[in-house]
Amino acid sequence: MTIGYFVLGSLLLIGIVVDLLWTTLWVEGGAGPLTSRLMAVTWQTVRWIGGGNARVRTLTGPLILTVGFTVWLILLWAGWTLVFAGAENILIDTVDGGSISWVDRIYFTGYAMFTLGNGDFAPRSGVWQIATVLVTGSGMLFITLGVTYILSVLEAVTQKRSFATGISGLGTQGNEFVRNAWDGQEFQGLDVLLNTYVTQLNTLTSNHKAYPILHYFHSEQSEQAPVTSIAVLDDALTILEFGIPAQERPSDAIIENARSSVESYLEALHGTFIEPANRAPPPPALEVIRDADIPTNSDDEFTTALGNLEKRRRTMLGLVESDARQWPTSQDT
């Protein structure tokens, strides 16, 4: 055997451990370099295979988890195998004392990683006994972090779908949201709802920073998709702030707080998952609001405000399209 195997194995181990710890423990760091590329490639592949089939896209999140952990396992196992192939006579056949083959090394590092106890082979005394302990430790680290990460991701998926369902329950378009929040005389109780949505959205933003894979857990139904729900919420906030007279709308502080939470969410995903679209989405129609006898500002005033928000709205459209969805209008299904 040659020192080249040891160097290659060591590099593999360093790379995979960094990627594993980066992805599972670094809350602000997003996913590791290898995991980030696997997520993007898997998402593009599933979209290409499934075409416009939303049900096929729902497989993306579980598939990325499976592929990611499989790659981590294979590279970790391969790294240790190469390390133990980097020198002659470092393993002893305790059964018949025969020579050590590649299969034997793969078998030895495998049962050491998965803490199966001593098998038919044992390391010689000295540094290779310590190396065997490190193999077992890396296996325990992989299993512990892996299980914890999966459970945390699944909990975050449930939270984000709960957030989306809460918003879509009030409306699937921004103007419908505002109309349904009107009780005939005022927006009674909307302050409480907006504060609730802000809390949930801030949690969602934090989860996306900690678990970037969340963006690839695709929901077949639009009402359970946070990207469309956030677009609905942002359109509703735009109508409330610029389309409704000040004396009729909820507190400006509450509206601004909600808009700030949406902005934080967009910033968390900008550059990693989304880029602004090359056009602005369709403007929300104030006619739906007026039909419910809700006081509104003039169309010219509202149109001017939308023009000032073009970059933000193009980013929002980019978010919706990054999830392979259409902008939430009356034609969206």
Protein backbone atom coordinates (compact mmCIF):
# COMPACT_ATOMS: atom_id res chain seq x y z
CA MET A 1 0.00 0.00 0.00
CA THR A 2 1.09 3.62 -0.44
CA ILE A 3 0.94 6.85 1.48
CA GLY A 4 -1.29 8.16 -1.31
CA TYR A 5 -4.22 6.14 0.04
CA PHE A 6 -3.72 7.64 3.49
CA VAL A 7 -3.60 11.22 2.13
CA LEU A 8 -6.66 10.71 -0.07
CA GLY A 9 -8.58 9.10 2.78
CA SER A 10 -7.65 11.89 5.18
CA LEU A 11 -8.81 14.54 2.70
CA LEU A 12 -12.11 12.70 2.24
CA LEU A 13 -12.63 12.53 6.00
CA ILE A 14 -11.85 16.20 6.51
CA GLY A 15 -14.20 17.23 3.69
CA ILE A 16 -17.12 15.08 4.79
CA VAL A 17 -16.82 15.96 8.49
CA VAL A 18 -16.70 19.68 7.64
CA ASP A 19 -19.75 19.34 5.40
CA LEU A 20 -21.63 17.30 8.02
CA LEU A 21 -20.92 19.71 10.87
CA TRP A 22 -21.52 22.75 8.64
CA THR A 23 -24.92 21.48 7.57
CA THR A 24 -26.21 20.15 10.87
CA LEU A 25 -24.68 22.47 13.48
CA TRP A 26 -23.92 25.87 11.91
CA VAL A 27 -27.26 27.67 12.18
CA GLU A 28 -26.20 30.76 10.21
CA GLY A 29 -24.04 28.91 7.72
CA GLY A 30 -26.70 27.19 5.65
CA ALA A 31 -25.73 23.88 4.09
CA GLY A 32 -22.17 22.70 3.52
CA PRO A 33 -20.57 23.04 0.05
CA LEU A 34 -21.22 19.44 -0.91
CA THR A 35 -24.77 19.37 0.47
CA SER A 36 -25.65 22.66 -1.24
CA ARG A 37 -24.67 21.27 -4.61
CA LEU A 38 -26.50 18.00 -3.99
CA MET A 39 -29.67 19.91 -3.09
CA ALA A 40 -29.55 22.07 -6.21
CA VAL A 41 -28.78 19.16 -8.55
CA THR A 42 -31.49 16.94 -7.02
CA TRP A 43 -34.11 19.72 -7.25
CA GLN A 44 -33.27 20.45 -10.90
CA THR A 45 -33.28 16.74 -11.74
CA VAL A 46 -36.67 16.12 -10.11
CA ARG A 47 -38.16 19.18 -11.85
CA TRP A 48 -36.80 17.92 -15.19
CA ILE A 49 -38.12 14.39 -14.67
CA GLY A 50 -41.48 15.46 -13.26
CA GLY A 51 -42.14 18.36 -15.59
CA GLY A 52 -45.26 20.09 -14.35
CA ASN A 53 -46.26 17.24 -12.03
CA ALA A 54 -46.48 18.72 -8.51
CA ARG A 55 -46.77 15.28 -6.91
CA VAL A 56 -43.37 14.28 -8.30
CA ARG A 57 -41.84 17.47 -6.87
CA THR A 58 -43.07 16.50 -3.40
CA LEU A 59 -40.43 13.76 -3.46
CA THR A 60 -37.60 16.29 -3.62
CA GLY A 61 -37.20 16.97 0.11
CA PRO A 62 -37.18 13.30 1.22
CA LEU A 63 -34.96 12.42 -1.74
CA ILE A 64 -32.41 15.10 -0.84
CA LEU A 65 -32.31 13.85 2.75
CA THR A 66 -31.80 10.28 1.55
CA VAL A 67 -29.18 11.14 -1.06
CA GLY A 68 -27.34 13.49 1.30
CA PHE A 69 -27.03 10.99 4.13
CA THR A 70 -26.10 8.22 1.71
CA VAL A 71 -23.30 10.32 0.25
CA TRP A 72 -22.07 11.28 3.72
CA LEU A 73 -22.04 7.60 4.75
CA ILE A 74 -20.28 6.36 1.62
CA LEU A 75 -17.58 9.04 1.74
CA LEU A 76 -17.02 8.59 5.47
CA TRP A 77 -16.71 4.84 5.03
CA ALA A 78 -14.48 5.21 1.97
CA GLY A 79 -12.26 7.73 3.75
CA TRP A 80 -11.57 5.43 6.68
CA THR A 81 -11.03 2.48 4.37
CA LEU A 82 -8.38 4.42 2.45
CA VAL A 83 -6.74 5.53 5.69
CA PHE A 84 -6.42 1.90 6.83
CA ALA A 85 -5.06 1.03 3.39
CA GLY A 86 -2.28 3.59 3.77
CA ALA A 87 0.15 1.21 5.45
CA GLU A 88 1.03 -2.46 5.36
CA ASN A 89 0.15 -4.97 8.09
CA ILE A 90 -1.95 -2.68 10.26
CA LEU A 91 -4.80 -5.18 10.60
CA ILE A 92 -4.63 -8.69 12.02
CA ASP A 93 -6.81 -11.57 10.88
CA THR A 94 -7.79 -13.05 14.26
CA VAL A 95 -9.37 -16.13 12.71
CA ASP A 96 -6.76 -17.71 10.43
CA GLY A 97 -3.99 -15.11 10.29
CA GLY A 98 -4.30 -14.74 6.53
CA SER A 99 -3.52 -11.71 4.38
CA ILE A 100 -5.78 -8.65 4.46
CA SER A 101 -7.75 -7.79 1.30
CA TRP A 102 -9.66 -4.65 0.31
CA VAL A 103 -12.90 -6.37 1.22
CA ASP A 104 -11.48 -7.07 4.66
CA ARG A 105 -10.60 -3.41 5.16
CA ILE A 106 -14.06 -2.29 4.02
CA TYR A 107 -15.62 -4.82 6.39
CA PHE A 108 -13.42 -3.77 9.31
CA THR A 109 -14.07 -0.02 8.96
CA GLY A 110 -17.77 -0.71 8.44
CA TYR A 111 -18.36 -2.66 11.63
CA ALA A 112 -16.15 -0.23 13.55
CA MET A 113 -18.17 2.75 12.25
CA PHE A 114 -21.48 1.19 13.20
CA THR A 115 -20.19 0.08 16.61
CA LEU A 116 -20.85 -3.59 16.01
CA GLY A 117 -18.03 -4.66 18.31
CA ASN A 118 -14.90 -6.62 17.44
CA GLY A 119 -15.16 -8.82 14.42
CA ASP A 120 -12.76 -11.09 12.63
CA PHE A 121 -10.06 -8.41 12.37
CA ALA A 122 -8.25 -6.19 14.89
CA PRO A 123 -5.83 -3.28 14.57
CA ARG A 124 -2.22 -3.71 15.56
CA SER A 125 -1.09 -1.93 18.70
CA GLY A 126 -0.24 1.75 18.68
CA VAL A 127 -1.70 4.53 16.59
CA TRP A 128 -4.04 2.23 14.65
CA GLN A 129 -5.88 1.25 17.81
CA ILE A 130 -6.52 4.94 18.41
CA ALA A 131 -7.56 5.30 14.77
CA THR A 132 -10.11 2.52 15.30
CA VAL A 133 -11.55 4.43 18.24
CA LEU A 134 -11.86 7.49 15.96
CA VAL A 135 -13.69 5.38 13.37
CA THR A 136 -16.23 4.35 16.00
CA GLY A 137 -16.53 7.93 17.24
CA SER A 138 -17.18 9.25 13.73
CA GLY A 139 -19.87 6.63 13.22
CA MET A 140 -21.62 7.60 16.44
CA LEU A 141 -21.33 11.27 15.48
CA PHE A 142 -22.86 10.56 12.08
CA ILE A 143 -25.80 8.62 13.51
CA THR A 144 -26.50 11.08 16.33
CA LEU A 145 -26.33 14.21 14.19
CA GLY A 146 -28.22 12.53 11.38
CA VAL A 147 -31.21 11.48 13.48
CA THR A 148 -31.34 14.85 15.26
CA TYR A 149 -31.15 16.73 11.96
CA ILE A 150 -33.93 14.70 10.33
CA LEU A 151 -36.29 15.17 13.28
CA SER A 152 -35.60 18.92 13.36
CA VAL A 153 -36.20 19.26 9.62
CA LEU A 154 -39.49 17.36 9.76
CA GLU A 155 -40.68 19.54 12.64
CA ALA A 156 -39.77 22.66 10.65
CA VAL A 157 -41.65 21.33 7.61
CA THR A 158 -44.77 20.91 9.76
CA GLN A 159 -44.41 24.46 11.09
CA LYS A 160 -44.05 26.03 7.67
CA ARG A 161 -47.10 24.23 6.31
CA SER A 162 -49.11 25.28 9.36
CA PHE A 163 -48.10 28.90 8.67
CA ALA A 164 -49.13 28.61 5.03
CA THR A 165 -52.48 27.02 5.85
CA GLY A 166 -53.26 29.78 8.34
CA ILE A 167 -52.82 32.50 5.73
CA SER A 168 -54.59 30.68 2.92
CA GLY A 169 -57.54 30.13 5.25
CA LEU A 170 -58.15 33.88 5.14
CA GLY A 171 -57.53 34.25 1.43
CA THR A 172 -55.59 32.90 -1.54
CA GLN A 173 -54.98 36.38 -2.97
CA GLY A 174 -53.94 39.61 -1.32
CA ASN A 175 -57.17 41.45 -2.04
CA GLU A 176 -59.24 38.45 -0.92
CA PHE A 177 -57.26 38.38 2.33
CA VAL A 178 -58.05 42.05 2.98
CA ARG A 179 -61.70 41.66 2.01
CA ASN A 180 -62.22 38.70 4.32
CA ALA A 181 -60.54 40.54 7.20
CA TRP A 182 -63.12 43.36 6.93
CA ASP A 183 -66.16 42.86 9.18
CA GLY A 184 -68.27 45.50 7.45
CA GLN A 185 -67.06 48.40 9.56
CA GLU A 186 -63.38 47.81 10.43
CA PHE A 187 -60.53 45.34 10.40
CA GLN A 188 -61.37 44.00 13.83
CA GLY A 189 -58.92 41.39 15.10
CA LEU A 190 -56.53 41.76 12.16
CA ASP A 191 -53.84 43.20 14.45
CA VAL A 192 -53.77 39.97 16.43
CA LEU A 193 -53.63 37.85 13.27
CA LEU A 194 -50.76 39.87 11.81
CA ASN A 195 -48.79 39.57 15.03
CA THR A 196 -49.33 35.81 14.95
CA TYR A 197 -48.17 35.62 11.34
CA VAL A 198 -45.08 37.70 12.17
CA THR A 199 -44.11 35.27 14.94
CA GLN A 200 -44.60 32.27 12.67
CA LEU A 201 -42.76 33.90 9.77
CA ASN A 202 -39.79 34.83 11.96
CA THR A 203 -39.60 31.19 13.05
CA LEU A 204 -39.79 30.09 9.42
CA THR A 205 -36.97 32.47 8.50
CA SER A 206 -34.77 31.11 11.29
CA ASN A 207 -35.55 27.55 10.23
CA HIS A 208 -34.58 28.29 6.63
CA LYS A 209 -31.21 29.61 7.81
CA ALA A 210 -30.63 26.55 9.97
CA TYR A 211 -32.10 23.98 7.54
CA PRO A 212 -31.80 25.17 3.91
CA ILE A 213 -33.29 21.88 2.76
CA LEU A 214 -36.68 23.28 3.84
CA HIS A 215 -36.90 25.18 0.56
CA TYR A 216 -37.01 21.86 -1.30
CA PHE A 217 -39.87 20.31 0.65
CA HIS A 218 -42.50 20.96 -1.98
CA SER A 219 -46.21 20.81 -1.21
CA GLU A 220 -48.59 19.55 -3.85
CA GLN A 221 -51.31 21.97 -2.72
CA SER A 222 -50.71 25.72 -3.09
CA GLU A 223 -52.52 26.52 0.15
CA GLN A 224 -49.82 24.58 2.02
CA ALA A 225 -46.94 26.30 0.21
CA PRO A 226 -45.31 29.09 2.25
CA VAL A 227 -43.96 30.86 -0.83
CA THR A 228 -47.43 31.56 -2.21
CA SER A 229 -48.81 32.34 1.24
CA ILE A 230 -46.04 34.87 1.84
CA ALA A 231 -46.81 36.43 -1.54
CA VAL A 232 -50.48 36.67 -0.51
CA LEU A 233 -49.51 38.20 2.83
CA ASP A 234 -47.18 40.74 1.23
CA ASP A 235 -49.82 41.78 -1.31
CA ALA A 236 -52.33 42.15 1.53
CA LEU A 237 -49.88 44.31 3.49
CA THR A 238 -49.29 46.44 0.39
CA ILE A 239 -53.03 46.99 0.01
CA LEU A 240 -53.45 47.82 3.68
CA GLU A 241 -50.57 50.30 3.71
CA PHE A 242 -51.04 52.01 0.36
CA GLY A 243 -54.57 51.16 -0.74
CA ILE A 244 -56.55 51.79 2.46
CA PRO A 245 -56.91 55.21 4.12
CA ALA A 246 -54.89 55.61 7.33
CA GLN A 247 -57.95 55.95 9.56
CA GLU A 248 -59.38 52.64 8.35
CA ARG A 249 -56.37 50.33 8.36
CA PRO A 250 -54.65 48.57 11.30
CA SER A 251 -51.81 50.22 13.19
CA ASP A 252 -48.96 51.37 10.94
CA ALA A 253 -46.46 49.88 13.40
CA ILE A 254 -48.03 46.43 13.08
CA ILE A 255 -48.09 46.65 9.28
CA GLU A 256 -44.46 47.79 9.14
CA ASN A 257 -43.44 45.01 11.51
CA ALA A 258 -45.10 42.45 9.28
CA ARG A 259 -43.49 43.91 6.15
CA SER A 260 -40.11 43.82 7.89
CA SER A 261 -40.58 40.11 8.67
CA VAL A 262 -41.34 39.42 5.01
CA GLU A 263 -38.23 41.37 4.02
CA SER A 264 -36.11 39.32 6.42
CA TYR A 265 -37.45 36.12 4.88
CA LEU A 266 -36.59 37.33 1.37
CA GLU A 267 -33.09 38.33 2.47
CA ALA A 268 -32.53 34.90 4.03
CA LEU A 269 -33.31 33.20 0.71
CA HIS A 270 -31.93 35.81 -1.68
CA GLY A 271 -28.85 34.72 -3.59
CA THR A 272 -29.07 31.14 -2.33
CA PHE A 273 -32.46 30.03 -3.63
CA ILE A 274 -33.99 33.03 -5.37
CA GLU A 275 -33.15 35.85 -7.73
CA PRO A 276 -35.54 38.69 -8.66
CA ALA A 277 -37.72 37.96 -11.66
CA ASN A 278 -37.23 40.10 -14.76
CA ARG A 279 -40.74 41.50 -14.36
CA ALA A 280 -43.12 42.51 -11.60
CA PRO A 281 -46.11 40.30 -10.76
CA PRO A 282 -49.66 41.40 -11.61
CA PRO A 283 -50.81 44.24 -9.35
CA PRO A 284 -53.54 43.43 -6.80
CA ALA A 285 -56.90 44.75 -7.95
CA LEU A 286 -58.56 47.27 -5.66
CA GLU A 287 -61.93 46.62 -7.34
CA VAL A 288 -62.34 43.50 -5.19
CA ILE A 289 -61.83 45.67 -2.11
CA ARG A 290 -64.28 48.32 -3.27
CA ASP A 291 -66.92 45.70 -4.06
CA ALA A 292 -66.91 44.86 -0.33
CA ASP A 293 -67.57 48.55 0.49
CA ILE A 294 -64.11 48.97 1.99
CA PRO A 295 -62.75 52.54 1.72
CA THR A 296 -59.72 52.78 -0.61
CA ASN A 297 -57.26 55.32 -1.89
CA SER A 298 -57.26 56.36 -5.54
CA ASP A 299 -55.90 54.03 -8.22
CA ASP A 300 -53.22 56.57 -9.18
CA GLU A 301 -51.93 56.77 -5.61
CA PHE A 302 -51.87 52.99 -5.31
CA THR A 303 -50.16 52.53 -8.69
CA THR A 304 -47.43 55.00 -7.71
CA ALA A 305 -46.80 53.06 -4.50
CA LEU A 306 -46.54 49.79 -6.45
CA GLY A 307 -43.95 51.37 -8.72
CA ASN A 308 -41.78 52.17 -5.71
CA LEU A 309 -42.05 48.54 -4.60
CA GLU A 310 -41.12 47.01 -7.96
CA LYS A 311 -37.80 45.49 -6.85
CA ARG A 312 -39.36 43.91 -3.79
CA ARG A 313 -42.24 42.53 -5.84
CA ARG A 314 -39.90 41.14 -8.49
CA THR A 315 -37.99 39.37 -5.73
CA MET A 316 -41.27 38.00 -4.41
CA LEU A 317 -42.17 36.70 -7.86
CA GLY A 318 -38.72 35.10 -8.10
CA LEU A 319 -39.45 33.34 -4.82
CA VAL A 320 -42.75 31.96 -6.11
CA GLU A 321 -41.22 30.80 -9.39
CA SER A 322 -38.27 29.18 -7.59
CA ASP A 323 -40.82 26.79 -6.09
CA ALA A 324 -42.22 26.03 -9.56
CA ARG A 325 -45.47 27.86 -8.83
CA GLN A 326 -47.52 30.61 -10.40
CA TRP A 327 -48.30 33.94 -8.79
CA PRO A 328 -51.41 33.61 -6.59
CA THR A 329 -54.22 35.00 -8.74
CA SER A 330 -57.73 33.81 -9.45
CA GLN A 331 -56.27 31.50 -12.12
CA ASP A 332 -53.77 29.85 -9.75
CA THR A 333 -54.62 26.22 -8.96
